[in-house]
mmCIF file of all heavy atoms, coordinates in Angstrom:
data_MODEL
# 
_entry.id   MODEL 
# 
loop_
_atom_site.group_PDB 
_atom_site.id 
_atom_site.type_symbol 
_atom_site.label_atom_id 
_atom_site.label_alt_id 
_atom_site.label_comp_id 
_atom_site.label_asym_id 
_atom_site.label_entity_id 
_atom_site.label_seq_id 
_atom_site.pdbx_PDB_ins_code 
_atom_site.Cartn_x 
_atom_site.Cartn_y 
_atom_site.Cartn_z 
_atom_site.occupancy 
_atom_site.B_iso_or_equiv 
_atom_site.pdbx_formal_charge 
_atom_site.auth_seq_id 
_atom_site.auth_comp_id 
_atom_site.auth_asym_id 
_atom_site.auth_atom_id 
_atom_site.pdbx_PDB_model_num 
ATOM 1   N N   . LEU A 1 1  ? 0.919  -1.146 0.015   1.00 0.00 ? 1  LEU A N   1 
ATOM 2   C CA  . LEU A 1 1  ? 0.073  0.027  0.083   1.00 0.00 ? 1  LEU A CA  1 
ATOM 3   C C   . LEU A 1 1  ? 0.887  1.313  0.014   1.00 0.00 ? 1  LEU A C   1 
ATOM 4   O O   . LEU A 1 1  ? 0.569  2.323  -0.716  1.00 0.00 ? 1  LEU A O   1 
ATOM 5   C CB  . LEU A 1 1  ? -0.943 -0.022 1.143   1.00 0.00 ? 1  LEU A CB  1 
ATOM 6   C CG  . LEU A 1 1  ? -2.283 -0.789 0.868   1.00 0.00 ? 1  LEU A CG  1 
ATOM 7   C CD1 . LEU A 1 1  ? -2.097 -2.258 0.656   1.00 0.00 ? 1  LEU A CD1 1 
ATOM 8   C CD2 . LEU A 1 1  ? -3.198 -0.560 2.217   1.00 0.00 ? 1  LEU A CD2 1 
ATOM 9   N N   . CYS A 1 2  ? 1.903  1.248  0.838   1.00 0.00 ? 2  CYS A N   1 
ATOM 10  C CA  . CYS A 1 2  ? 2.858  2.397  0.741   1.00 0.00 ? 2  CYS A CA  1 
ATOM 11  C C   . CYS A 1 2  ? 3.591  2.642  -0.582  1.00 0.00 ? 2  CYS A C   1 
ATOM 12  O O   . CYS A 1 2  ? 3.702  3.749  -0.989  1.00 0.00 ? 2  CYS A O   1 
ATOM 13  C CB  . CYS A 1 2  ? 3.860  2.231  1.988   1.00 0.00 ? 2  CYS A CB  1 
ATOM 14  S SG  . CYS A 1 2  ? 3.144  2.370  3.607   1.00 0.00 ? 2  CYS A SG  1 
ATOM 15  N N   . ALA A 1 3  ? 3.854  1.550  -1.197  1.00 0.00 ? 3  ALA A N   1 
ATOM 16  C CA  . ALA A 1 3  ? 4.428  1.619  -2.507  1.00 0.00 ? 3  ALA A CA  1 
ATOM 17  C C   . ALA A 1 3  ? 3.516  2.285  -3.563  1.00 0.00 ? 3  ALA A C   1 
ATOM 18  O O   . ALA A 1 3  ? 3.888  3.182  -4.359  1.00 0.00 ? 3  ALA A O   1 
ATOM 19  C CB  . ALA A 1 3  ? 4.987  0.221  -3.006  1.00 0.00 ? 3  ALA A CB  1 
ATOM 20  N N   . ARG A 1 4  ? 2.325  1.920  -3.431  1.00 0.00 ? 4  ARG A N   1 
ATOM 21  C CA  . ARG A 1 4  ? 1.284  2.519  -4.352  1.00 0.00 ? 4  ARG A CA  1 
ATOM 22  C C   . ARG A 1 4  ? 1.069  4.098  -3.972  1.00 0.00 ? 4  ARG A C   1 
ATOM 23  O O   . ARG A 1 4  ? 0.871  4.859  -5.000  1.00 0.00 ? 4  ARG A O   1 
ATOM 24  C CB  . ARG A 1 4  ? -0.060 1.724  -4.078  1.00 0.00 ? 4  ARG A CB  1 
ATOM 25  C CG  . ARG A 1 4  ? -1.278 2.371  -5.095  1.00 0.00 ? 4  ARG A CG  1 
ATOM 26  C CD  . ARG A 1 4  ? -0.775 2.441  -6.578  1.00 0.00 ? 4  ARG A CD  1 
ATOM 27  N NE  . ARG A 1 4  ? -1.803 2.880  -7.416  1.00 0.00 ? 4  ARG A NE  1 
ATOM 28  C CZ  . ARG A 1 4  ? -1.597 3.459  -8.689  1.00 0.00 ? 4  ARG A CZ  1 
ATOM 29  N NH1 . ARG A 1 4  ? -0.390 3.375  -9.107  1.00 0.00 ? 4  ARG A NH1 1 
ATOM 30  N NH2 . ARG A 1 4  ? -2.684 3.942  -9.364  1.00 0.00 ? 4  ARG A NH2 1 
ATOM 31  N N   . MET A 1 5  ? 1.149  4.377  -2.700  1.00 0.00 ? 5  MET A N   1 
ATOM 32  C CA  . MET A 1 5  ? 0.974  5.845  -2.338  1.00 0.00 ? 5  MET A CA  1 
ATOM 33  C C   . MET A 1 5  ? 2.253  6.563  -2.953  1.00 0.00 ? 5  MET A C   1 
ATOM 34  O O   . MET A 1 5  ? 2.037  7.725  -3.409  1.00 0.00 ? 5  MET A O   1 
ATOM 35  C CB  . MET A 1 5  ? 1.006  5.925  -0.866  1.00 0.00 ? 5  MET A CB  1 
ATOM 36  C CG  . MET A 1 5  ? -0.282 5.386  -0.238  1.00 0.00 ? 5  MET A CG  1 
ATOM 37  S SD  . MET A 1 5  ? -0.118 5.273  1.466   1.00 0.00 ? 5  MET A SD  1 
ATOM 38  C CE  . MET A 1 5  ? -0.158 6.964  2.122   1.00 0.00 ? 5  MET A CE  1 
ATOM 39  N N   . VAL A 1 6  ? 3.356  6.026  -2.976  1.00 0.00 ? 6  VAL A N   1 
ATOM 40  C CA  . VAL A 1 6  ? 4.550  6.656  -3.696  1.00 0.00 ? 6  VAL A CA  1 
ATOM 41  C C   . VAL A 1 6  ? 4.268  6.940  -5.025  1.00 0.00 ? 6  VAL A C   1 
ATOM 42  O O   . VAL A 1 6  ? 4.557  7.993  -5.590  1.00 0.00 ? 6  VAL A O   1 
ATOM 43  C CB  . VAL A 1 6  ? 5.755  5.811  -3.373  1.00 0.00 ? 6  VAL A CB  1 
ATOM 44  C CG1 . VAL A 1 6  ? 6.902  6.461  -4.191  1.00 0.00 ? 6  VAL A CG1 1 
ATOM 45  C CG2 . VAL A 1 6  ? 6.185  5.735  -1.880  1.00 0.00 ? 6  VAL A CG2 1 
ATOM 46  N N   . LYS A 1 7  ? 3.783  5.856  -5.823  1.00 0.00 ? 7  LYS A N   1 
ATOM 47  C CA  . LYS A 1 7  ? 3.376  6.002  -7.119  1.00 0.00 ? 7  LYS A CA  1 
ATOM 48  C C   . LYS A 1 7  ? 2.326  7.122  -7.415  1.00 0.00 ? 7  LYS A C   1 
ATOM 49  O O   . LYS A 1 7  ? 2.428  7.769  -8.534  1.00 0.00 ? 7  LYS A O   1 
ATOM 50  C CB  . LYS A 1 7  ? 2.966  4.700  -7.767  1.00 0.00 ? 7  LYS A CB  1 
ATOM 51  C CG  . LYS A 1 7  ? 4.014  3.647  -7.996  1.00 0.00 ? 7  LYS A CG  1 
ATOM 52  C CD  . LYS A 1 7  ? 5.087  4.046  -8.891  1.00 0.00 ? 7  LYS A CD  1 
ATOM 53  C CE  . LYS A 1 7  ? 6.065  2.968  -9.153  1.00 0.00 ? 7  LYS A CE  1 
ATOM 54  N NZ  . LYS A 1 7  ? 7.154  3.469  -10.024 1.00 0.00 ? 7  LYS A NZ  1 
ATOM 55  N N   . ARG A 1 8  ? 1.486  7.407  -6.575  1.00 0.00 ? 8  ARG A N   1 
ATOM 56  C CA  . ARG A 1 8  ? 0.491  8.281  -6.706  1.00 0.00 ? 8  ARG A CA  1 
ATOM 57  C C   . ARG A 1 8  ? 0.984  9.718  -6.259  1.00 0.00 ? 8  ARG A C   1 
ATOM 58  O O   . ARG A 1 8  ? 0.160  10.721 -6.322  1.00 0.00 ? 8  ARG A O   1 
ATOM 59  C CB  . ARG A 1 8  ? -0.846 7.996  -5.865  1.00 0.00 ? 8  ARG A CB  1 
ATOM 60  C CG  . ARG A 1 8  ? -1.545 6.835  -6.561  1.00 0.00 ? 8  ARG A CG  1 
ATOM 61  C CD  . ARG A 1 8  ? -2.950 6.772  -5.926  1.00 0.00 ? 8  ARG A CD  1 
ATOM 62  N NE  . ARG A 1 8  ? -3.718 7.793  -6.194  1.00 0.00 ? 8  ARG A NE  1 
ATOM 63  C CZ  . ARG A 1 8  ? -4.185 8.191  -7.418  1.00 0.00 ? 8  ARG A CZ  1 
ATOM 64  N NH1 . ARG A 1 8  ? -4.162 7.475  -8.366  1.00 0.00 ? 8  ARG A NH1 1 
ATOM 65  N NH2 . ARG A 1 8  ? -5.013 9.332  -7.447  1.00 0.00 ? 8  ARG A NH2 1 
ATOM 66  N N   . GLY A 1 9  ? 2.214  9.732  -5.788  1.00 0.00 ? 9  GLY A N   1 
ATOM 67  C CA  . GLY A 1 9  ? 2.770  11.136 -5.416  1.00 0.00 ? 9  GLY A CA  1 
ATOM 68  C C   . GLY A 1 9  ? 2.289  11.668 -4.075  1.00 0.00 ? 9  GLY A C   1 
ATOM 69  O O   . GLY A 1 9  ? 2.307  12.865 -3.836  1.00 0.00 ? 9  GLY A O   1 
ATOM 70  N N   . VAL A 1 10 ? 1.978  10.805 -3.128  1.00 0.00 ? 10 VAL A N   1 
ATOM 71  C CA  . VAL A 1 10 ? 1.501  11.134 -1.807  1.00 0.00 ? 10 VAL A CA  1 
ATOM 72  C C   . VAL A 1 10 ? 2.717  11.668 -1.044  1.00 0.00 ? 10 VAL A C   1 
ATOM 73  O O   . VAL A 1 10 ? 3.774  10.932 -1.105  1.00 0.00 ? 10 VAL A O   1 
ATOM 74  C CB  . VAL A 1 10 ? 0.835  9.920  -1.147  1.00 0.00 ? 10 VAL A CB  1 
ATOM 75  C CG1 . VAL A 1 10 ? 0.561  10.285 0.368   1.00 0.00 ? 10 VAL A CG1 1 
ATOM 76  C CG2 . VAL A 1 10 ? -0.512 9.690  -1.759  1.00 0.00 ? 10 VAL A CG2 1 
ATOM 77  N N   . THR A 1 11 ? 2.664  12.746 -0.372  1.00 0.00 ? 11 THR A N   1 
ATOM 78  C CA  . THR A 1 11 ? 3.856  13.229 0.360   1.00 0.00 ? 11 THR A CA  1 
ATOM 79  C C   . THR A 1 11 ? 4.146  12.427 1.453   1.00 0.00 ? 11 THR A C   1 
ATOM 80  O O   . THR A 1 11 ? 5.353  12.337 1.791   1.00 0.00 ? 11 THR A O   1 
ATOM 81  C CB  . THR A 1 11 ? 3.454  14.726 0.782   1.00 0.00 ? 11 THR A CB  1 
ATOM 82  O OG1 . THR A 1 11 ? 3.272  15.558 -0.434  1.00 0.00 ? 11 THR A OG1 1 
ATOM 83  C CG2 . THR A 1 11 ? 4.542  15.337 1.589   1.00 0.00 ? 11 THR A CG2 1 
ATOM 84  N N   . ALA A 1 12 ? 3.224  11.950 2.355   1.00 0.00 ? 12 ALA A N   1 
ATOM 85  C CA  . ALA A 1 12 ? 3.597  11.274 3.546   1.00 0.00 ? 12 ALA A CA  1 
ATOM 86  C C   . ALA A 1 12 ? 2.337  10.596 4.112   1.00 0.00 ? 12 ALA A C   1 
ATOM 87  O O   . ALA A 1 12 ? 1.178  10.956 3.689   1.00 0.00 ? 12 ALA A O   1 
ATOM 88  C CB  . ALA A 1 12 ? 4.116  12.295 4.700   1.00 0.00 ? 12 ALA A CB  1 
ATOM 89  N N   . LEU A 1 13 ? 2.679  9.680  5.020   1.00 0.00 ? 13 LEU A N   1 
ATOM 90  C CA  . LEU A 1 13 ? 1.607  9.004  5.810   1.00 0.00 ? 13 LEU A CA  1 
ATOM 91  C C   . LEU A 1 13 ? 1.778  9.267  7.203   1.00 0.00 ? 13 LEU A C   1 
ATOM 92  O O   . LEU A 1 13 ? 2.824  9.186  7.884   1.00 0.00 ? 13 LEU A O   1 
ATOM 93  C CB  . LEU A 1 13 ? 1.719  7.371  5.592   1.00 0.00 ? 13 LEU A CB  1 
ATOM 94  C CG  . LEU A 1 13 ? 0.848  6.563  6.493   1.00 0.00 ? 13 LEU A CG  1 
ATOM 95  C CD1 . LEU A 1 13 ? -0.614 6.754  6.431   1.00 0.00 ? 13 LEU A CD1 1 
ATOM 96  C CD2 . LEU A 1 13 ? 1.227  5.120  6.413   1.00 0.00 ? 13 LEU A CD2 1 
ATOM 97  N N   . ILE A 1 14 ? 0.623  9.715  7.896   1.00 0.00 ? 14 ILE A N   1 
ATOM 98  C CA  . ILE A 1 14 ? 0.736  10.033 9.352   1.00 0.00 ? 14 ILE A CA  1 
ATOM 99  C C   . ILE A 1 14 ? -0.471 9.392  10.016  1.00 0.00 ? 14 ILE A C   1 
ATOM 100 O O   . ILE A 1 14 ? -1.593 9.428  9.548   1.00 0.00 ? 14 ILE A O   1 
ATOM 101 C CB  . ILE A 1 14 ? 0.526  11.571 9.455   1.00 0.00 ? 14 ILE A CB  1 
ATOM 102 C CG1 . ILE A 1 14 ? 1.893  12.228 8.954   1.00 0.00 ? 14 ILE A CG1 1 
ATOM 103 C CG2 . ILE A 1 14 ? 0.388  11.876 11.010  1.00 0.00 ? 14 ILE A CG2 1 
ATOM 104 C CD1 . ILE A 1 14 ? 1.806  13.761 9.064   1.00 0.00 ? 14 ILE A CD1 1 
ATOM 105 N N   . THR A 1 15 ? -0.184 8.762  11.113  1.00 0.00 ? 15 THR A N   1 
ATOM 106 C CA  . THR A 1 15 ? -1.203 8.023  11.788  1.00 0.00 ? 15 THR A CA  1 
ATOM 107 C C   . THR A 1 15 ? -0.910 7.901  13.324  1.00 0.00 ? 15 THR A C   1 
ATOM 108 O O   . THR A 1 15 ? 0.319  7.971  13.745  1.00 0.00 ? 15 THR A O   1 
ATOM 109 C CB  . THR A 1 15 ? -1.359 6.568  11.235  1.00 0.00 ? 15 THR A CB  1 
ATOM 110 O OG1 . THR A 1 15 ? -2.426 5.831  12.023  1.00 0.00 ? 15 THR A OG1 1 
ATOM 111 C CG2 . THR A 1 15 ? -0.215 5.725  11.363  1.00 0.00 ? 15 THR A CG2 1 
ATOM 112 N N   . ASP A 1 16 ? -1.862 7.869  14.173  1.00 0.00 ? 16 ASP A N   1 
ATOM 113 C CA  . ASP A 1 16 ? -1.722 7.386  15.559  1.00 0.00 ? 16 ASP A CA  1 
ATOM 114 C C   . ASP A 1 16 ? -1.596 5.992  15.840  1.00 0.00 ? 16 ASP A C   1 
ATOM 115 O O   . ASP A 1 16 ? -1.527 5.568  16.966  1.00 0.00 ? 16 ASP A O   1 
ATOM 116 C CB  . ASP A 1 16 ? -2.765 8.195  16.442  1.00 0.00 ? 16 ASP A CB  1 
ATOM 117 C CG  . ASP A 1 16 ? -4.230 7.688  16.030  1.00 0.00 ? 16 ASP A CG  1 
ATOM 118 O OD1 . ASP A 1 16 ? -4.282 6.920  15.158  1.00 0.00 ? 16 ASP A OD1 1 
ATOM 119 O OD2 . ASP A 1 16 ? -5.275 8.245  16.621  1.00 0.00 ? 16 ASP A OD2 1 
ATOM 120 N N   . GLY A 1 17 ? -1.680 5.072  14.759  1.00 0.00 ? 17 GLY A N   1 
ATOM 121 C CA  . GLY A 1 17 ? -1.479 3.752  14.876  1.00 0.00 ? 17 GLY A CA  1 
ATOM 122 C C   . GLY A 1 17 ? -0.085 3.310  14.325  1.00 0.00 ? 17 GLY A C   1 
ATOM 123 O O   . GLY A 1 17 ? 0.799  4.085  14.586  1.00 0.00 ? 17 GLY A O   1 
ATOM 124 N N   . VAL A 1 18 ? -0.029 2.098  13.926  1.00 0.00 ? 18 VAL A N   1 
ATOM 125 C CA  . VAL A 1 18 ? 1.186  1.598  13.424  1.00 0.00 ? 18 VAL A CA  1 
ATOM 126 C C   . VAL A 1 18 ? 1.138  0.962  11.987  1.00 0.00 ? 18 VAL A C   1 
ATOM 127 O O   . VAL A 1 18 ? 0.084  0.784  11.437  1.00 0.00 ? 18 VAL A O   1 
ATOM 128 C CB  . VAL A 1 18 ? 1.650  0.402  14.401  1.00 0.00 ? 18 VAL A CB  1 
ATOM 129 C CG1 . VAL A 1 18 ? 1.703  0.954  15.844  1.00 0.00 ? 18 VAL A CG1 1 
ATOM 130 C CG2 . VAL A 1 18 ? 0.743  -0.765 14.400  1.00 0.00 ? 18 VAL A CG2 1 
ATOM 131 N N   . VAL A 1 19 ? 2.298  0.677  11.492  1.00 0.00 ? 19 VAL A N   1 
ATOM 132 C CA  . VAL A 1 19 ? 2.415  0.077  10.192  1.00 0.00 ? 19 VAL A CA  1 
ATOM 133 C C   . VAL A 1 19 ? 2.896  -1.363 10.317  1.00 0.00 ? 19 VAL A C   1 
ATOM 134 O O   . VAL A 1 19 ? 3.484  -1.761 11.376  1.00 0.00 ? 19 VAL A O   1 
ATOM 135 C CB  . VAL A 1 19 ? 3.336  0.777  9.198   1.00 0.00 ? 19 VAL A CB  1 
ATOM 136 C CG1 . VAL A 1 19 ? 2.818  2.242  8.972   1.00 0.00 ? 19 VAL A CG1 1 
ATOM 137 C CG2 . VAL A 1 19 ? 4.820  0.989  9.810   1.00 0.00 ? 19 VAL A CG2 1 
ATOM 138 N N   . ARG A 1 20 ? 2.950  -2.123 9.240   1.00 0.00 ? 20 ARG A N   1 
ATOM 139 C CA  . ARG A 1 20 ? 3.444  -3.435 9.247   1.00 0.00 ? 20 ARG A CA  1 
ATOM 140 C C   . ARG A 1 20 ? 4.382  -3.593 8.040   1.00 0.00 ? 20 ARG A C   1 
ATOM 141 O O   . ARG A 1 20 ? 4.530  -2.640 7.208   1.00 0.00 ? 20 ARG A O   1 
ATOM 142 C CB  . ARG A 1 20 ? 2.256  -4.515 9.209   1.00 0.00 ? 20 ARG A CB  1 
ATOM 143 C CG  . ARG A 1 20 ? 1.480  -4.373 7.887   1.00 0.00 ? 20 ARG A CG  1 
ATOM 144 C CD  . ARG A 1 20 ? 0.136  -5.221 7.983   1.00 0.00 ? 20 ARG A CD  1 
ATOM 145 N NE  . ARG A 1 20 ? 0.339  -6.621 8.223   1.00 0.00 ? 20 ARG A NE  1 
ATOM 146 C CZ  . ARG A 1 20 ? 0.186  -7.619 7.362   1.00 0.00 ? 20 ARG A CZ  1 
ATOM 147 N NH1 . ARG A 1 20 ? -0.390 -7.259 6.176   1.00 0.00 ? 20 ARG A NH1 1 
ATOM 148 N NH2 . ARG A 1 20 ? 0.289  -8.866 7.722   1.00 0.00 ? 20 ARG A NH2 1 
ATOM 149 N N   . ASP A 1 21 ? 5.097  -4.773 7.945   1.00 0.00 ? 21 ASP A N   1 
ATOM 150 C CA  . ASP A 1 21 ? 6.136  -4.967 6.943   1.00 0.00 ? 21 ASP A CA  1 
ATOM 151 C C   . ASP A 1 21 ? 7.085  -3.788 6.950   1.00 0.00 ? 21 ASP A C   1 
ATOM 152 O O   . ASP A 1 21 ? 7.407  -3.119 5.952   1.00 0.00 ? 21 ASP A O   1 
ATOM 153 C CB  . ASP A 1 21 ? 5.534  -5.012 5.490   1.00 0.00 ? 21 ASP A CB  1 
ATOM 154 C CG  . ASP A 1 21 ? 4.408  -6.008 5.327   1.00 0.00 ? 21 ASP A CG  1 
ATOM 155 O OD1 . ASP A 1 21 ? 4.638  -7.080 5.745   1.00 0.00 ? 21 ASP A OD1 1 
ATOM 156 O OD2 . ASP A 1 21 ? 3.348  -5.683 4.797   1.00 0.00 ? 21 ASP A OD2 1 
ATOM 157 N N   . LEU A 1 22 ? 7.717  -3.626 8.123   1.00 0.00 ? 22 LEU A N   1 
ATOM 158 C CA  . LEU A 1 22 ? 8.527  -2.385 8.424   1.00 0.00 ? 22 LEU A CA  1 
ATOM 159 C C   . LEU A 1 22 ? 9.587  -2.270 7.379   1.00 0.00 ? 22 LEU A C   1 
ATOM 160 O O   . LEU A 1 22 ? 9.824  -1.193 6.817   1.00 0.00 ? 22 LEU A O   1 
ATOM 161 C CB  . LEU A 1 22 ? 9.108  -2.512 9.825   1.00 0.00 ? 22 LEU A CB  1 
ATOM 162 C CG  . LEU A 1 22 ? 10.075 -1.498 10.281  1.00 0.00 ? 22 LEU A CG  1 
ATOM 163 C CD1 . LEU A 1 22 ? 9.441  -0.066 10.283  1.00 0.00 ? 22 LEU A CD1 1 
ATOM 164 C CD2 . LEU A 1 22 ? 10.765 -1.606 11.527  1.00 0.00 ? 22 LEU A CD2 1 
ATOM 165 N N   . GLU A 1 23 ? 10.349 -3.382 7.073   1.00 0.00 ? 23 GLU A N   1 
ATOM 166 C CA  . GLU A 1 23 ? 11.543 -3.317 6.246   1.00 0.00 ? 23 GLU A CA  1 
ATOM 167 C C   . GLU A 1 23 ? 11.062 -2.822 4.880   1.00 0.00 ? 23 GLU A C   1 
ATOM 168 O O   . GLU A 1 23 ? 11.582 -2.102 4.230   1.00 0.00 ? 23 GLU A O   1 
ATOM 169 C CB  . GLU A 1 23 ? 12.316 -4.577 6.133   1.00 0.00 ? 23 GLU A CB  1 
ATOM 170 C CG  . GLU A 1 23 ? 13.471 -4.497 5.322   1.00 0.00 ? 23 GLU A CG  1 
ATOM 171 C CD  . GLU A 1 23 ? 14.313 -5.883 5.288   1.00 0.00 ? 23 GLU A CD  1 
ATOM 172 O OE1 . GLU A 1 23 ? 13.980 -6.694 6.236   1.00 0.00 ? 23 GLU A OE1 1 
ATOM 173 O OE2 . GLU A 1 23 ? 15.254 -5.891 4.514   1.00 0.00 ? 23 GLU A OE2 1 
ATOM 174 N N   . GLY A 1 24 ? 9.968  -3.448 4.417   1.00 0.00 ? 24 GLY A N   1 
ATOM 175 C CA  . GLY A 1 24 ? 9.363  -3.069 3.108   1.00 0.00 ? 24 GLY A CA  1 
ATOM 176 C C   . GLY A 1 24 ? 8.903  -1.709 3.046   1.00 0.00 ? 24 GLY A C   1 
ATOM 177 O O   . GLY A 1 24 ? 9.064  -1.011 2.119   1.00 0.00 ? 24 GLY A O   1 
ATOM 178 N N   . VAL A 1 25 ? 8.147  -1.304 4.117   1.00 0.00 ? 25 VAL A N   1 
ATOM 179 C CA  . VAL A 1 25 ? 7.560  0.154  4.019   1.00 0.00 ? 25 VAL A CA  1 
ATOM 180 C C   . VAL A 1 25 ? 8.745  1.147  4.035   1.00 0.00 ? 25 VAL A C   1 
ATOM 181 O O   . VAL A 1 25 ? 8.740  2.130  3.220   1.00 0.00 ? 25 VAL A O   1 
ATOM 182 C CB  . VAL A 1 25 ? 6.861  0.321  5.452   1.00 0.00 ? 25 VAL A CB  1 
ATOM 183 C CG1 . VAL A 1 25 ? 6.616  1.917  5.581   1.00 0.00 ? 25 VAL A CG1 1 
ATOM 184 C CG2 . VAL A 1 25 ? 5.409  -0.449 5.392   1.00 0.00 ? 25 VAL A CG2 1 
ATOM 185 N N   . MET A 1 26 ? 9.805  0.921  4.773   1.00 0.00 ? 26 MET A N   1 
ATOM 186 C CA  . MET A 1 26 ? 10.928 1.797  4.727   1.00 0.00 ? 26 MET A CA  1 
ATOM 187 C C   . MET A 1 26 ? 11.652 1.730  3.331   1.00 0.00 ? 26 MET A C   1 
ATOM 188 O O   . MET A 1 26 ? 12.131 2.826  2.853   1.00 0.00 ? 26 MET A O   1 
ATOM 189 C CB  . MET A 1 26 ? 11.923 1.516  5.836   1.00 0.00 ? 26 MET A CB  1 
ATOM 190 C CG  . MET A 1 26 ? 11.292 1.713  7.232   1.00 0.00 ? 26 MET A CG  1 
ATOM 191 S SD  . MET A 1 26 ? 12.554 1.486  8.519   1.00 0.00 ? 26 MET A SD  1 
ATOM 192 C CE  . MET A 1 26 ? 13.511 2.992  8.511   1.00 0.00 ? 26 MET A CE  1 
ATOM 193 N N   . GLY A 1 27 ? 11.571 0.641  2.764   1.00 0.00 ? 27 GLY A N   1 
ATOM 194 C CA  . GLY A 1 27 ? 12.157 0.428  1.410   1.00 0.00 ? 27 GLY A CA  1 
ATOM 195 C C   . GLY A 1 27 ? 11.395 1.260  0.305   1.00 0.00 ? 27 GLY A C   1 
ATOM 196 O O   . GLY A 1 27 ? 12.045 1.607  -0.644  1.00 0.00 ? 27 GLY A O   1 
# 
């Protein structure tokens, strides 16, 4: 999902929760 957001030109993701697939998200 984060990779798709990058492709759509989203500036950032902000949440009071957490993400998963940490290594992949950072990648």
